[in-house]
PDB file of N, CA and C in Angstrom:
ATOM      1  N   MET A   1     116.042   0.904 133.639  1.00  0.00           N
ATOM      2  CA  MET A   1     114.939   0.666 133.440  1.00  0.00           C
ATOM      3  C   MET A   1     114.319   2.389 133.586  1.00  0.00           C
ATOM      4  N   ALA A   2     113.615   2.469 132.734  1.00  0.00           N
ATOM      5  CA  ALA A   2     112.395   3.828 132.683  1.00  0.00           C
ATOM      6  C   ALA A   2     111.193   3.813 133.835  1.00  0.00           C
ATOM      7  N   GLN A   3     110.855   5.032 134.439  1.00  0.00           N
ATOM      8  CA  GLN A   3     110.134   5.093 135.720  1.00  0.00           C
ATOM      9  C   GLN A   3     109.146   5.177 134.848  1.00  0.00           C
ATOM     10  N   TYR A   4     108.131   4.418 135.544  1.00  0.00           N
ATOM     11  CA  TYR A   4     106.391   4.592 135.238  1.00  0.00           C
ATOM     12  C   TYR A   4     105.727   5.366 135.736  1.00  0.00           C
ATOM     13  N   ASP A   5     105.149   6.382 134.948  1.00  0.00           N
ATOM     14  CA  ASP A   5     104.564   7.460 135.622  1.00  0.00           C
ATOM     15  C   ASP A   5     103.279   7.580 134.863  1.00  0.00           C
ATOM     16  N   PRO A   6     102.063   7.145 135.798  1.00  0.00           N
ATOM     17  CA  PRO A   6     100.391   6.293 135.429  1.00  0.00           C
ATOM     18  C   PRO A   6     100.128   7.848 134.464  1.00  0.00           C
ATOM     19  N   LYS A   7     100.536   8.781 134.642  1.00  0.00           N
ATOM     20  CA  LYS A   7      99.705   9.965 134.095  1.00  0.00           C
ATOM     21  C   LYS A   7     100.298  10.489 132.528  1.00  0.00           C
ATOM     22  N   LYS A   8     101.226  10.152 132.407  1.00  0.00           N
ATOM     23  CA  LYS A   8     102.049  10.125 131.216  1.00  0.00           C
ATOM     24  C   LYS A   8     101.392   8.961 129.988  1.00  0.00           C
ATOM     25  N   LYS A   9     101.271   7.575 130.838  1.00  0.00           N
ATOM     26  CA  LYS A   9     100.705   6.648 129.977  1.00  0.00           C
ATOM     27  C   LYS A   9      98.976   6.850 129.963  1.00  0.00           C
ATOM     28  N   LYS A  10      98.548   7.598 130.698  1.00  0.00           N
ATOM     29  CA  LYS A  10      96.856   7.793 130.577  1.00  0.00           C
ATOM     30  C   LYS A  10      97.415   8.790 129.259  1.00  0.00           C
ATOM     31  N   GLU A  11      97.678  10.138 129.608  1.00  0.00           N
ATOM     32  CA  GLU A  11      97.740  10.990 128.139  1.00  0.00           C
ATOM     33  C   GLU A  11      98.456  10.388 126.837  1.00  0.00           C
ATOM     34  N   TYR A  12      98.952   9.679 127.156  1.00  0.00           N
ATOM     35  CA  TYR A  12      99.567   8.664 125.510  1.00  0.00           C
ATOM     36  C   TYR A  12      98.328   8.195 124.784  1.00  0.00           C
ATOM     37  N   TYR A  13      97.479   7.385 126.085  1.00  0.00           N
ATOM     38  CA  TYR A  13      96.700   6.867 125.659  1.00  0.00           C
ATOM     39  C   TYR A  13      95.185   7.624 124.611  1.00  0.00           C
ATOM     40  N   LEU A  14      95.445   8.607 125.740  1.00  0.00           N
ATOM     41  CA  LEU A  14      94.244   9.445 125.342  1.00  0.00           C
ATOM     42  C   LEU A  14      94.308  10.163 123.705  1.00  0.00           C
ATOM     43  N   GLU A  15      96.122  10.671 123.879  1.00  0.00           N
ATOM     44  CA  GLU A  15      96.410  11.318 122.492  1.00  0.00           C
ATOM     45  C   GLU A  15      96.184  10.263 121.664  1.00  0.00           C
ATOM     46  N   ASN A  16      96.601   9.633 121.640  1.00  0.00           N
ATOM     47  CA  ASN A  16      96.096   8.186 120.464  1.00  0.00           C
ATOM     48  C   ASN A  16      95.282   6.919 120.436  1.00  0.00           C
ATOM     49  N   ARG A  17      93.694   7.809 121.156  1.00  0.00           N
ATOM     50  CA  ARG A  17      92.922   6.951 120.728  1.00  0.00           C
ATOM     51  C   ARG A  17      92.652   6.778 119.477  1.00  0.00           C
ATOM     52  N   GLU A  18      92.445   7.654 118.893  1.00  0.00           N
ATOM     53  CA  GLU A  18      91.954   7.417 117.352  1.00  0.00           C
ATOM     54  C   GLU A  18      93.106   6.544 116.644  1.00  0.00           C
ATOM     55  N   LYS A  19      94.158   6.541 116.698  1.00  0.00           N
ATOM     56  CA  LYS A  19      94.293   5.723 115.693  1.00  0.00           C
ATOM     57  C   LYS A  19      94.675   4.132 116.860  1.00  0.00           C
ATOM     58  N   ARG A  20      94.759   4.340 117.630  1.00  0.00           N
ATOM     59  CA  ARG A  20      94.604   2.898 118.285  1.00  0.00           C
ATOM     60  C   ARG A  20      93.175   2.168 117.504  1.00  0.00           C
ATOM     61  N   LEU A  21      92.296   2.876 117.701  1.00  0.00           N
ATOM     62  CA  LEU A  21      91.091   2.368 117.762  1.00  0.00           C
ATOM     63  C   LEU A  21      90.832   1.883 115.933  1.00  0.00           C
ATOM     64  N   LYS A  22      91.404   2.987 115.152  1.00  0.00           N
ATOM     65  CA  LYS A  22      91.469   2.459 113.554  1.00  0.00           C
ATOM     66  C   LYS A  22      92.421   1.428 113.450  1.00  0.00           C
ATOM     67  N   TYR A  23      93.383   1.175 113.803  1.00  0.00           N
ATOM     68  CA  TYR A  23      94.577   0.213 113.936  1.00  0.00           C
ATOM     69  C   TYR A  23      93.724  -0.994 114.607  1.00  0.00           C
ATOM     70  N   GLN A  24      92.726  -1.015 115.295  1.00  0.00           N
ATOM     71  CA  GLN A  24      92.127  -2.158 115.876  1.00  0.00           C
ATOM     72  C   GLN A  24      91.086  -3.187 114.680  1.00  0.00           C
ATOM     73  N   ASN A  25      90.053  -1.662 114.403  1.00  0.00           N
ATOM     74  CA  ASN A  25      89.005  -1.771 113.467  1.00  0.00           C
ATOM     75  C   ASN A  25      89.760  -3.011 112.560  1.00  0.00           C
ATOM     76  N   GLU A  26      90.643  -1.992 111.936  1.00  0.00           N
ATOM     77  CA  GLU A  26      91.454  -2.615 110.843  1.00  0.00           C
ATOM     78  C   GLU A  26      91.788  -4.013 110.827  1.00  0.00           C
ATOM     79  N   TYR A  27      92.531  -4.318 112.191  1.00  0.00           N
ATOM     80  CA  TYR A  27      93.275  -5.759 112.143  1.00  0.00           C
ATOM     81  C   TYR A  27      91.932  -6.363 112.478  1.00  0.00           C
ATOM     82  N   TYR A  28      90.675  -6.466 113.125  1.00  0.00           N
ATOM     83  CA  TYR A  28      89.605  -7.264 113.350  1.00  0.00           C
ATOM     84  C   TYR A  28      88.973  -7.504 112.196  1.00  0.00           C
ATOM     85  N   ARG A  29      88.890  -6.887 110.552  1.00  0.00           N
ATOM     86  CA  ARG A  29      88.386  -6.254 109.894  1.00  0.00           C
ATOM     87  C   ARG A  29      89.358  -7.771 108.608  1.00  0.00           C
ATOM     88  N   LYS A  30      90.577  -7.497 108.992  1.00  0.00           N
ATOM     89  CA  LYS A  30      91.477  -8.548 108.061  1.00  0.00           C
ATOM     90  C   LYS A  30      91.044  -9.793 108.426  1.00  0.00           C
ATOM     91  N   THR A  31      91.330 -10.018 110.011  1.00  0.00           N
ATOM     92  CA  THR A  31      91.662 -11.040 110.642  1.00  0.00           C
ATOM     93  C   THR A  31      90.099 -11.824 110.376  1.00  0.00           C
ATOM     94  N   LYS A  32      88.796 -10.959 110.195  1.00  0.00           N
ATOM     95  CA  LYS A  32      87.566 -12.223 110.041  1.00  0.00           C
ATOM     96  C   LYS A  32      87.481 -12.153 108.597  1.00  0.00           C
ATOM     97  N   TYR A  33      87.729 -11.297 107.328  1.00  0.00           N
ATOM     98  CA  TYR A  33      87.967 -12.079 106.361  1.00  0.00           C
ATOM     99  C   TYR A  33      89.129 -13.153 106.116  1.00  0.00           C
ATOM    100  N   ARG A  34      90.074 -13.202 106.832  1.00  0.00           N
ATOM    101  CA  ARG A  34      90.957 -14.121 106.757  1.00  0.00           C
ATOM    102  C   ARG A  34      90.526 -15.346 107.000  1.00  0.00           C
ATOM    103  N   TYR A  35      90.039 -15.382 108.297  1.00  0.00           N
ATOM    104  CA  TYR A  35      89.209 -16.496 108.725  1.00  0.00           C
ATOM    105  C   TYR A  35      88.315 -17.135 108.241  1.00  0.00           C
ATOM    106  N   SER A  36      87.338 -16.678 107.147  1.00  0.00           N
ATOM    107  CA  SER A  36      85.806 -16.671 106.788  1.00  0.00           C
ATOM    108  C   SER A  36      86.703 -17.316 105.284  1.00  0.00           C
ATOM    109  N   ARG A  37      87.655 -16.881 104.654  1.00  0.00           N
ATOM    110  CA  ARG A  37      88.324 -17.184 103.306  1.00  0.00           C
ATOM    111  C   ARG A  37      89.193 -18.667 103.794  1.00  0.00           C
ATOM    112  N   LYS A  38      89.349 -18.685 105.001  1.00  0.00           N
ATOM    113  CA  LYS A  38      89.865 -19.842 105.461  1.00  0.00           C
ATOM    114  C   LYS A  38      89.292 -21.090 105.453  1.00  0.00           C
ATOM    115  N   ILE A  39      87.721 -20.790 105.904  1.00  0.00           N
ATOM    116  CA  ILE A  39      87.138 -22.086 105.978  1.00  0.00           C
ATOM    117  C   ILE A  39      86.046 -21.918 104.335  1.00  0.00           C
ATOM    118  N   GLU A  40      85.843 -21.343 103.911  1.00  0.00           N
ATOM    119  CA  GLU A  40      85.477 -21.383 102.832  1.00  0.00           C
ATOM    120  C   GLU A  40      86.252 -22.185 101.570  1.00  0.00           C
ATOM    121  N   ILE A  41      87.285 -22.020 101.691  1.00  0.00           N
ATOM    122  CA  ILE A  41      88.593 -22.726 100.827  1.00  0.00           C
ATOM    123  C   ILE A  41      88.128 -24.107 101.434  1.00  0.00           C
ATOM    124  N   GLY A  42      88.649 -24.428 102.993  1.00  0.00           N
ATOM    125  CA  GLY A  42      88.245 -25.752 103.005  1.00  0.00           C
ATOM    126  C   GLY A  42      87.105 -26.610 102.892  1.00  0.00           C
ATOM    127  N   LYS A  43      86.007 -25.332 102.855  1.00  0.00           N
ATOM    128  CA  LYS A  43      84.745 -26.239 102.733  1.00  0.00           C
ATOM    129  C   LYS A  43      84.598 -26.799 101.192  1.00  0.00           C
ATOM    130  N   VAL A  44      85.655 -26.558 100.301  1.00  0.00           N
ATOM    131  CA  VAL A  44      85.492 -26.561  99.189  1.00  0.00           C
ATOM    132  C   VAL A  44      86.483 -28.109  98.838  1.00  0.00           C
ATOM    133  N   LEU A  45      87.639 -27.433  99.130  1.00  0.00           N
ATOM    134  CA  LEU A  45      88.967 -28.569  98.943  1.00  0.00           C
ATOM    135  C   LEU A  45      88.979 -29.826  99.955  1.00  0.00           C
ATOM    136  N   GLU A  46      87.934 -29.426 101.245  1.00  0.00           N
ATOM    137  CA  GLU A  46      88.445 -30.789 102.328  1.00  0.00           C
ATOM    138  C   GLU A  46      86.592 -30.856 102.807  1.00  0.00           C
ATOM    139  N   PRO A  47      85.749 -31.336 102.240  1.00  0.00           N
ATOM    140  CA  PRO A  47      84.752 -31.587 102.882  1.00  0.00           C
ATOM    141  C   PRO A  47      84.550 -31.866 103.920  1.00  0.00           C
ATOM    142  N   GLU A  48      85.029 -33.132 103.870  1.00  0.00           N
ATOM    143  CA  GLU A  48      85.379 -34.102 105.267  1.00  0.00           C
ATOM    144  C   GLU A  48      85.741 -33.306 106.829  1.00  0.00           C
ATOM    145  N   GLY A  49      86.695 -32.532 105.582  1.00  0.00           N
ATOM    146  CA  GLY A  49      87.343 -31.946 107.668  1.00  0.00           C
ATOM    147  C   GLY A  49      86.852 -30.822 107.737  1.00  0.00           C
ATOM    148  N   TYR A  50      85.905 -30.145 106.859  1.00  0.00           N
ATOM    149  CA  TYR A  50      84.798 -28.908 107.239  1.00  0.00           C
ATOM    150  C   TYR A  50      84.127 -29.394 108.041  1.00  0.00           C
ATOM    151  N   GLU A  51      83.374 -30.449 107.926  1.00  0.00           N
ATOM    152  CA  GLU A  51      82.326 -31.285 108.646  1.00  0.00           C
ATOM    153  C   GLU A  51      82.373 -31.502 110.050  1.00  0.00           C
ATOM    154  N   ALA A  52      83.706 -31.889 109.882  1.00  0.00           N
ATOM    155  CA  ALA A  52      84.313 -32.334 111.611  1.00  0.00           C
ATOM    156  C   ALA A  52      84.410 -30.923 112.405  1.00  0.00           C
ATOM    157  N   PHE A  53      85.125 -30.111 111.466  1.00  0.00           N
ATOM    158  CA  PHE A  53      85.556 -28.839 112.235  1.00  0.00           C
ATOM    159  C   PHE A  53      83.794 -28.024 112.945  1.00  0.00           C
ATOM    160  N   LYS A  54      82.828 -28.311 111.824  1.00  0.00           N
ATOM    161  CA  LYS A  54      81.951 -27.556 112.148  1.00  0.00           C
ATOM    162  C   LYS A  54      80.793 -28.660 113.308  1.00  0.00           C
ATOM    163  N   LYS A  55      81.233 -30.254 113.298  1.00  0.00           N
ATOM    164  CA  LYS A  55      80.669 -30.462 114.519  1.00  0.00           C
ATOM    165  C   LYS A  55      81.531 -30.616 115.894  1.00  0.00           C
ATOM    166  N   ARG A  56      82.863 -30.296 116.063  1.00  0.00           N
ATOM    167  CA  ARG A  56      83.728 -29.470 117.231  1.00  0.00           C
ATOM    168  C   ARG A  56      83.026 -28.304 117.628  1.00  0.00           C
ATOM    169  N   LEU A  57      83.357 -27.781 116.580  1.00  0.00           N
ATOM    170  CA  LEU A  57      82.535 -26.423 116.949  1.00  0.00           C
ATOM    171  C   LEU A  57      81.281 -26.214 117.784  1.00  0.00           C
ATOM    172  N   SER A  58      80.042 -27.130 117.187  1.00  0.00           N
ATOM    173  CA  SER A  58      78.899 -27.425 117.448  1.00  0.00           C
ATOM    174  C   SER A  58      79.152 -28.256 118.786  1.00  0.00           C
ATOM    175  N   ASP A  59      79.576 -28.798 118.881  1.00  0.00           N
ATOM    176  CA  ASP A  59      80.007 -29.179 120.527  1.00  0.00           C
ATOM    177  C   ASP A  59      80.195 -28.522 121.466  1.00  0.00           C
ATOM    178  N   TYR A  60      81.247 -27.518 120.869  1.00  0.00           N
ATOM    179  CA  TYR A  60      81.924 -26.954 122.440  1.00  0.00           C
ATOM    180  C   TYR A  60      81.130 -25.795 122.533  1.00  0.00           C
ATOM    181  N   ASN A  61      79.999 -25.242 121.338  1.00  0.00           N
ATOM    182  CA  ASN A  61      78.941 -24.409 121.865  1.00  0.00           C
ATOM    183  C   ASN A  61      77.901 -25.022 122.556  1.00  0.00           C
ATOM    184  N   LYS A  62      77.890 -26.425 122.182  1.00  0.00           N
ATOM    185  CA  LYS A  62      76.957 -26.591 123.115  1.00  0.00           C
ATOM    186  C   LYS A  62      77.032 -27.122 125.108  1.00  0.00           C
ATOM    187  N   GLU A  63      78.420 -27.302 124.737  1.00  0.00           N
ATOM    188  CA  GLU A  63      79.459 -27.965 125.844  1.00  0.00           C
ATOM    189  C   GLU A  63      78.991 -26.184 127.317  1.00  0.00           C
ATOM    190  N   TYR A  64      79.495 -25.465 126.358  1.00  0.00           N
ATOM    191  CA  TYR A  64      79.600 -24.020 126.650  1.00  0.00           C
ATOM    192  C   TYR A  64      78.484 -23.521 127.155  1.00  0.00           C
ATOM    193  N   TYR A  65      77.301 -23.612 126.638  1.00  0.00           N
ATOM    194  CA  TYR A  65      76.085 -23.056 126.806  1.00  0.00           C
ATOM    195  C   TYR A  65      75.548 -23.804 128.210  1.00  0.00           C
ATOM    196  N   ARG A  66      75.867 -25.070 127.948  1.00  0.00           N
ATOM    197  CA  ARG A  66      75.280 -26.087 129.186  1.00  0.00           C
ATOM    198  C   ARG A  66      76.357 -26.196 130.433  1.00  0.00           C
ATOM    199  N   LYS A  67      77.653 -25.513 130.523  1.00  0.00           N
ATOM    200  CA  LYS A  67      78.177 -25.203 131.542  1.00  0.00           C
ATOM    201  C   LYS A  67      77.807 -23.930 132.044  1.00  0.00           C
ATOM    202  N   ASN A  68      77.637 -22.896 130.890  1.00  0.00           N
ATOM    203  CA  ASN A  68      77.390 -21.285 131.615  1.00  0.00           C
ATOM    204  C   ASN A  68      75.839 -21.021 131.413  1.00  0.00           C
ATOM    205  N   LYS A  69      74.694 -21.391 131.620  1.00  0.00           N
ATOM    206  CA  LYS A  69      73.926 -21.292 131.048  1.00  0.00           C
ATOM    207  C   LYS A  69      73.261 -20.441 131.964  1.00  0.00           C
ATOM    208  N   ALA A  70      73.356 -20.453 133.320  1.00  0.00           N
ATOM    209  CA  ALA A  70      72.894 -19.752 134.346  1.00  0.00           C
ATOM    210  C   ALA A  70      73.595 -18.355 133.990  1.00  0.00           C
ATOM    211  N   LYS A  71      74.537 -18.089 133.737  1.00  0.00           N
ATOM    212  CA  LYS A  71      74.858 -16.992 133.538  1.00  0.00           C
ATOM    213  C   LYS A  71      74.933 -16.214 132.588  1.00  0.00           C
ATOM    214  N   ILE A  72      74.740 -16.922 131.122  1.00  0.00           N
ATOM    215  CA  ILE A  72      74.216 -16.407 130.064  1.00  0.00           C
ATOM    216  C   ILE A  72      72.838 -15.902 130.051  1.00  0.00           C
ATOM    217  N   MET A  73      71.855 -17.018 130.963  1.00  0.00           N
ATOM    218  CA  MET A  73      70.842 -16.397 130.868  1.00  0.00           C
ATOM    219  C   MET A  73      70.567 -14.941 131.853  1.00  0.00           C
ATOM    220  N   ALA A  74      71.264 -15.018 133.129  1.00  0.00           N
ATOM    221  CA  ALA A  74      71.334 -14.147 133.966  1.00  0.00           C
ATOM    222  C   ALA A  74      71.832 -12.709 133.321  1.00  0.00           C
ATOM    223  N   LYS A  75      72.478 -12.994 132.239  1.00  0.00           N
ATOM    224  CA  LYS A  75      73.149 -11.915 131.425  1.00  0.00           C
ATOM    225  C   LYS A  75      72.120 -10.819 130.272  1.00  0.00           C
ATOM    226  N   ARG A  76      71.518 -11.985 129.844  1.00  0.00           N
ATOM    227  CA  ARG A  76      70.253 -11.688 128.563  1.00  0.00           C
ATOM    228  C   ARG A  76      69.235 -10.593 130.342  1.00  0.00           C
ATOM    229  N   ASN A  77      68.878 -11.318 130.859  1.00  0.00           N
ATOM    230  CA  ASN A  77      67.853 -10.788 131.528  1.00  0.00           C
ATOM    231  C   ASN A  77      68.169  -9.471 131.858  1.00  0.00           C
ATOM    232  N   ALA A  78      69.313  -9.282 132.329  1.00  0.00           N
ATOM    233  CA  ALA A  78      69.517  -8.126 132.915  1.00  0.00           C
ATOM    234  C   ALA A  78      69.659  -7.094 131.883  1.00  0.00           C
ATOM    235  N   GLY A  79      70.158  -7.787 130.365  1.00  0.00           N
ATOM    236  CA  GLY A  79      69.706  -6.552 129.122  1.00  0.00           C
ATOM    237  C   GLY A  79      68.459  -6.051 128.737  1.00  0.00           C
ATOM    238  N   LYS A  80      67.768  -7.383 129.087  1.00  0.00           N
ATOM    239  CA  LYS A  80      66.295  -7.078 128.501  1.00  0.00           C
ATOM    240  C   LYS A  80      65.493  -6.073 129.779  1.00  0.00           C
ATOM    241  N   ALA A  81      66.024  -5.819 130.844  1.00  0.00           N
ATOM    242  CA  ALA A  81      65.491  -5.087 131.693  1.00  0.00           C
ATOM    243  C   ALA A  81      66.014  -3.409 131.997  1.00  0.00           C
ATOM    244  N   ALA A  82      67.388  -3.531 131.411  1.00  0.00           N
ATOM    245  CA  ALA A  82      67.663  -1.967 131.346  1.00  0.00           C
ATOM    246  C   ALA A  82      66.918  -0.858 129.762  1.00  0.00           C
TER     247      ALA A  82
END
């Protein structure tokens, strides 16, 4: 098994930072396009399924906000104060 050297790891990540960021940005851009395209196609081909998906997503977001409202508001207020 290879020896773990924190200095080498840090150097490696610093040297390849730009490549990694470029790759990540490209990946996220493609994924975002793929996801939005999938939603768009679903809207046309299966309108009932799309509406059900929208409702599930809306319900999830409402429930998440209700559960985490205090934390969300604290984060918002901290951003306004800065």
